[in-house]
Amino acid sequence: MKNGKVLITAGSTLVFGLLLFVGFQWRAPSLSAESLTKEEVNQTAKDKYPGTIIKTTKSEGEEYQIEMQLETGVYQIRMDAKSGEVRSIKKETIVHAAEETTGKIPQKQLTQKEIMSRISSEGDLEQIDFVQEKDNSYYKAVVNKNDEKITLILDPYTGAIIDSTMVADSIITEKEAIAIAEKHVKGTGDDTEFYQPSDQTPYYLVEVELEDDRDAVVQVDGYTKEVKTITWEDDEVDDNDGPE
């Protein structure tokens, strides 16, 4: 009987040791797994949530905290440092110092290289410029696609195309603009002014006098020759169609 008890005790010890060994081997990969680098974590966050990384910090509890600018605001993302799994995501309500002075959440402006990458499918890039105005800023690019030049106006933060305009070979002459305006409202051209704003295609404003003594100001697109607007000076009402 004593030998039987010894065998049972030895067997139990062996089984316990085997289970302990198997358990350790099962947990060993996770215990020995290396933490992701900050660059790897940032890339994982960008893959999950298209946006701009503002700040990334690592806590002692094997966790990364990522502050990220998305389209709907700034978010705090908690991510496992080893697996890269998102533990939580929460919209930030903290007011930043820059926000206190400007009233706006700071955004990271895309670089010219990033803009070029985003419009690579729009055609062969010929020119790109960053335009800074008083209350607005944007990228202006000219691309060539199928032997046609296109001017693109792009949001400097998202890279979205705000406007796309076909560029003609040359701007029409003042004489051509007057003839177009006279024909459209059936009158005589009196005065002409040419405008070339940075945010739209060039155009002429042609003042035309009609036989009934009314005056009309006709806006003619400098490239397409299209009549964009007609303003009647007596009543200051815009008429996009005009008399035929």
Protein backbone atom coordinates (compact mmCIF):
# COMPACT_ATOMS: atom_id res chain seq x y z
CA MET A 1 0.00 0.00 0.00
CA LYS A 2 2.82 2.37 0.83
CA ASN A 3 4.39 1.78 -2.61
CA GLY A 4 1.01 2.55 -4.23
CA LYS A 5 0.74 5.87 -2.41
CA VAL A 6 4.25 6.80 -3.47
CA LEU A 7 3.44 6.03 -7.09
CA ILE A 8 0.22 8.11 -6.93
CA THR A 9 2.11 11.02 -5.36
CA ALA A 10 4.87 10.82 -7.96
CA GLY A 11 2.32 10.62 -10.77
CA SER A 12 0.44 13.66 -9.50
CA THR A 13 3.65 15.64 -9.26
CA LEU A 14 4.58 14.65 -12.81
CA VAL A 15 1.17 15.68 -14.22
CA PHE A 16 1.28 19.01 -12.32
CA GLY A 17 4.76 19.71 -13.64
CA LEU A 18 3.70 18.86 -17.17
CA LEU A 19 0.68 21.20 -16.98
CA LEU A 20 2.87 23.94 -15.54
CA PHE A 21 5.37 23.52 -18.38
CA VAL A 22 2.66 23.55 -21.07
CA GLY A 23 1.06 26.63 -19.49
CA PHE A 24 4.37 28.46 -19.43
CA GLN A 25 5.05 27.59 -23.06
CA TRP A 26 1.56 28.85 -24.01
CA ARG A 27 2.15 32.16 -22.28
CA ALA A 28 5.78 32.49 -23.28
CA PRO A 29 5.17 34.13 -26.72
CA SER A 30 3.09 36.90 -25.20
CA LEU A 31 5.56 37.42 -22.36
CA SER A 32 8.50 37.59 -24.70
CA ALA A 33 6.78 39.58 -27.48
CA GLU A 34 8.49 42.90 -28.09
CA SER A 35 6.56 46.14 -27.94
CA LEU A 36 5.73 47.88 -31.19
CA THR A 37 7.80 50.94 -32.03
CA LYS A 38 6.21 54.39 -32.11
CA GLU A 39 6.46 54.40 -35.91
CA GLU A 40 4.66 51.03 -36.15
CA VAL A 41 1.91 52.19 -33.80
CA ASN A 42 1.43 55.42 -35.74
CA GLN A 43 1.16 53.52 -39.02
CA THR A 44 -1.38 51.11 -37.50
CA ALA A 45 -3.46 54.06 -36.29
CA LYS A 46 -3.36 55.69 -39.75
CA ASP A 47 -4.44 52.42 -41.38
CA LYS A 48 -7.47 52.23 -39.09
CA TYR A 49 -8.38 55.92 -38.98
CA PRO A 50 -7.37 58.19 -41.90
CA GLY A 51 -6.07 61.36 -40.27
CA THR A 52 -3.03 63.16 -38.91
CA ILE A 53 -1.00 62.12 -35.85
CA ILE A 54 -0.55 65.02 -33.45
CA LYS A 55 1.27 63.28 -30.58
CA THR A 56 2.14 59.73 -29.48
CA THR A 57 3.25 58.73 -25.96
CA LYS A 58 3.88 55.37 -24.26
CA SER A 59 2.73 54.66 -20.71
CA GLU A 60 4.25 52.23 -18.20
CA GLY A 61 1.33 49.83 -18.65
CA GLU A 62 2.46 48.71 -22.11
CA GLU A 63 0.04 51.08 -23.80
CA TYR A 64 0.37 53.82 -26.36
CA GLN A 65 -1.75 56.97 -26.19
CA ILE A 66 -2.20 58.63 -29.57
CA GLU A 67 -3.64 62.08 -30.14
CA MET A 68 -5.01 62.17 -33.69
CA GLN A 69 -6.75 64.75 -35.88
CA LEU A 70 -9.68 63.24 -37.81
CA GLU A 71 -12.25 64.98 -39.98
CA THR A 72 -14.70 65.23 -37.09
CA GLY A 73 -12.23 66.48 -34.48
CA VAL A 74 -9.28 65.47 -32.30
CA TYR A 75 -9.39 62.00 -30.71
CA GLN A 76 -7.46 60.18 -27.97
CA ILE A 77 -6.69 56.58 -28.98
CA ARG A 78 -5.41 53.98 -26.47
CA MET A 79 -3.57 51.15 -28.20
CA ASP A 80 -1.95 47.94 -26.88
CA ALA A 81 1.82 48.32 -27.20
CA LYS A 82 2.38 44.68 -28.19
CA SER A 83 -0.61 43.66 -30.29
CA GLY A 84 -1.54 47.05 -31.73
CA GLU A 85 -5.19 46.48 -30.80
CA VAL A 86 -7.25 49.58 -30.05
CA ARG A 87 -8.40 49.57 -26.44
CA SER A 88 -10.47 52.74 -26.67
CA ILE A 89 -11.04 55.82 -28.80
CA LYS A 90 -12.52 59.01 -27.39
CA LYS A 91 -13.12 62.46 -28.82
CA GLU A 92 -10.98 65.04 -27.08
CA THR A 93 -12.64 67.91 -25.25
CA ILE A 94 -9.47 69.50 -23.87
CA VAL A 95 -8.81 72.99 -25.19
CA HIS A 96 -5.31 73.38 -26.55
CA ALA A 97 -3.28 76.56 -26.14
CA ALA A 98 -3.52 77.27 -29.85
CA GLU A 99 -7.26 76.73 -29.68
CA GLU A 100 -7.57 79.24 -26.84
CA THR A 101 -6.03 81.99 -28.97
CA THR A 102 -7.55 81.16 -32.35
CA GLY A 103 -10.77 79.41 -31.39
CA LYS A 104 -9.91 76.59 -33.81
CA ILE A 105 -8.44 73.13 -33.37
CA PRO A 106 -4.93 73.16 -34.85
CA GLN A 107 -4.51 71.08 -37.98
CA LYS A 108 -1.37 69.87 -39.63
CA GLN A 109 -0.94 71.18 -43.13
CA LEU A 110 0.00 68.64 -45.78
CA THR A 111 3.39 69.08 -47.41
CA GLN A 112 3.77 69.74 -51.13
CA LYS A 113 5.13 66.21 -51.53
CA GLU A 114 2.03 64.73 -49.86
CA ILE A 115 -0.25 66.79 -52.11
CA MET A 116 1.67 65.62 -55.17
CA SER A 117 1.20 62.01 -54.09
CA ARG A 118 -2.55 62.47 -53.66
CA ILE A 119 -3.09 63.98 -57.12
CA SER A 120 -0.79 61.60 -59.00
CA SER A 121 -3.82 59.92 -60.60
CA GLU A 122 -5.16 63.25 -61.90
CA GLY A 123 -2.46 63.58 -64.56
CA ASP A 124 1.16 64.61 -65.08
CA LEU A 125 2.03 67.44 -62.72
CA GLU A 126 3.37 70.58 -64.44
CA GLN A 127 3.23 73.10 -61.61
CA ILE A 128 2.20 73.32 -57.96
CA ASP A 129 2.10 76.34 -55.65
CA PHE A 130 0.92 77.10 -52.14
CA VAL A 131 -1.33 80.18 -52.08
CA GLN A 132 -1.79 82.09 -48.82
CA GLU A 133 -4.54 84.70 -48.75
CA LYS A 134 -5.84 86.82 -45.87
CA ASP A 135 -8.56 84.40 -44.72
CA ASN A 136 -7.82 81.39 -46.87
CA SER A 137 -5.01 79.13 -48.06
CA TYR A 138 -4.83 76.36 -50.64
CA TYR A 139 -2.62 74.47 -53.05
CA LYS A 140 -2.93 75.30 -56.74
CA ALA A 141 -1.69 72.67 -59.19
CA VAL A 142 -1.67 72.37 -62.97
CA VAL A 143 -1.76 68.85 -64.41
CA ASN A 144 -1.72 67.53 -67.96
CA LYS A 145 -4.13 64.70 -68.75
CA ASN A 146 -4.83 63.42 -72.26
CA ASP A 147 -3.10 66.51 -73.72
CA GLU A 148 -5.39 68.82 -71.75
CA LYS A 149 -4.28 71.11 -68.94
CA ILE A 150 -6.35 71.18 -65.77
CA THR A 151 -6.01 73.57 -62.84
CA LEU A 152 -6.74 71.98 -59.45
CA ILE A 153 -7.48 73.88 -56.23
CA LEU A 154 -6.80 71.63 -53.20
CA ASP A 155 -7.52 71.80 -49.48
CA PRO A 156 -4.11 72.13 -47.74
CA TYR A 157 -5.17 69.94 -44.78
CA THR A 158 -7.15 67.10 -46.38
CA GLY A 159 -5.83 67.20 -49.95
CA ALA A 160 -9.43 67.22 -51.25
CA ILE A 161 -9.97 68.80 -54.68
CA ILE A 162 -12.04 71.95 -54.14
CA ASP A 163 -12.17 73.02 -57.77
CA SER A 164 -11.10 71.62 -61.13
CA THR A 165 -10.94 73.87 -64.20
CA MET A 166 -9.94 73.09 -67.77
CA VAL A 167 -7.24 75.46 -68.99
CA ALA A 168 -7.56 76.64 -72.59
CA ASP A 169 -4.56 77.27 -74.78
CA SER A 170 -4.84 81.06 -74.54
CA ILE A 171 -6.97 83.87 -73.14
CA ILE A 172 -9.37 85.53 -75.56
CA THR A 173 -8.72 89.12 -76.56
CA GLU A 174 -10.65 92.13 -75.31
CA LYS A 175 -12.14 92.56 -78.78
CA GLU A 176 -13.46 88.97 -78.70
CA ALA A 177 -14.97 89.49 -75.25
CA ILE A 178 -16.78 92.64 -76.41
CA ALA A 179 -18.18 90.85 -79.45
CA ILE A 180 -19.46 87.99 -77.28
CA ALA A 181 -21.11 90.38 -74.81
CA GLU A 182 -22.70 92.52 -77.56
CA LYS A 183 -24.15 89.45 -79.25
CA HIS A 184 -25.51 88.02 -75.99
CA VAL A 185 -27.48 91.09 -74.88
CA LYS A 186 -27.81 92.74 -78.30
CA GLY A 187 -26.20 96.07 -77.59
CA THR A 188 -23.03 98.12 -78.04
CA GLY A 189 -19.90 97.59 -75.95
CA ASP A 190 -18.94 100.72 -74.03
CA ASP A 191 -16.22 99.80 -71.52
CA THR A 192 -14.18 96.68 -70.63
CA GLU A 193 -12.14 95.54 -67.65
CA PHE A 194 -10.01 92.39 -67.35
CA TYR A 195 -9.64 90.42 -64.08
CA GLN A 196 -7.31 87.53 -63.26
CA PRO A 197 -8.04 86.38 -59.66
CA SER A 198 -5.97 83.61 -58.07
CA ASP A 199 -8.97 81.45 -57.14
CA GLN A 200 -10.76 81.28 -60.50
CA THR A 201 -10.21 81.59 -64.24
CA PRO A 202 -9.61 85.04 -65.80
CA TYR A 203 -12.63 86.96 -67.06
CA TYR A 204 -13.74 90.18 -68.71
CA LEU A 205 -16.43 92.55 -67.47
CA VAL A 206 -17.93 94.24 -70.51
CA GLU A 207 -20.33 97.17 -70.12
CA VAL A 208 -22.92 97.09 -72.90
CA GLU A 209 -25.43 99.84 -73.73
CA LEU A 210 -28.79 98.77 -75.17
CA GLU A 211 -31.08 100.74 -77.47
CA ASP A 212 -33.57 101.33 -74.64
CA ASP A 213 -30.83 103.16 -72.69
CA ARG A 214 -30.33 100.30 -70.24
CA ASP A 215 -26.78 99.29 -69.32
CA ALA A 216 -25.66 95.71 -68.70
CA VAL A 217 -22.36 94.42 -67.33
CA VAL A 218 -21.55 91.06 -68.91
CA GLN A 219 -18.98 88.69 -67.37
CA VAL A 220 -17.20 86.66 -70.08
CA ASP A 221 -14.87 83.75 -69.18
CA GLY A 222 -11.41 84.48 -70.55
CA TYR A 223 -10.81 80.88 -71.62
CA THR A 224 -14.14 79.25 -72.45
CA LYS A 225 -15.82 82.43 -73.86
CA GLU A 226 -18.85 81.54 -71.73
CA VAL A 227 -21.10 84.33 -70.43
CA LYS A 228 -21.02 83.74 -66.67
CA THR A 229 -23.32 86.52 -65.36
CA ILE A 230 -25.22 89.59 -66.50
CA THR A 231 -25.85 92.52 -64.17
CA TRP A 232 -28.40 95.14 -65.17
CA GLU A 233 -27.22 98.42 -63.72
CA ASP A 234 -30.70 99.95 -63.42
CA ASP A 235 -32.08 97.29 -61.09
CA GLU A 236 -28.84 95.44 -60.05
CA VAL A 237 -30.44 92.07 -60.65
CA ASP A 238 -28.30 89.21 -61.94
CA ASP A 239 -29.66 87.37 -64.94
CA ASN A 240 -27.71 84.28 -65.89
CA ASP A 241 -29.68 83.74 -69.08
CA GLY A 242 -30.15 87.27 -70.35
CA PRO A 243 -32.31 88.27 -73.31
CA GLU A 244 -31.82 86.27 -76.43
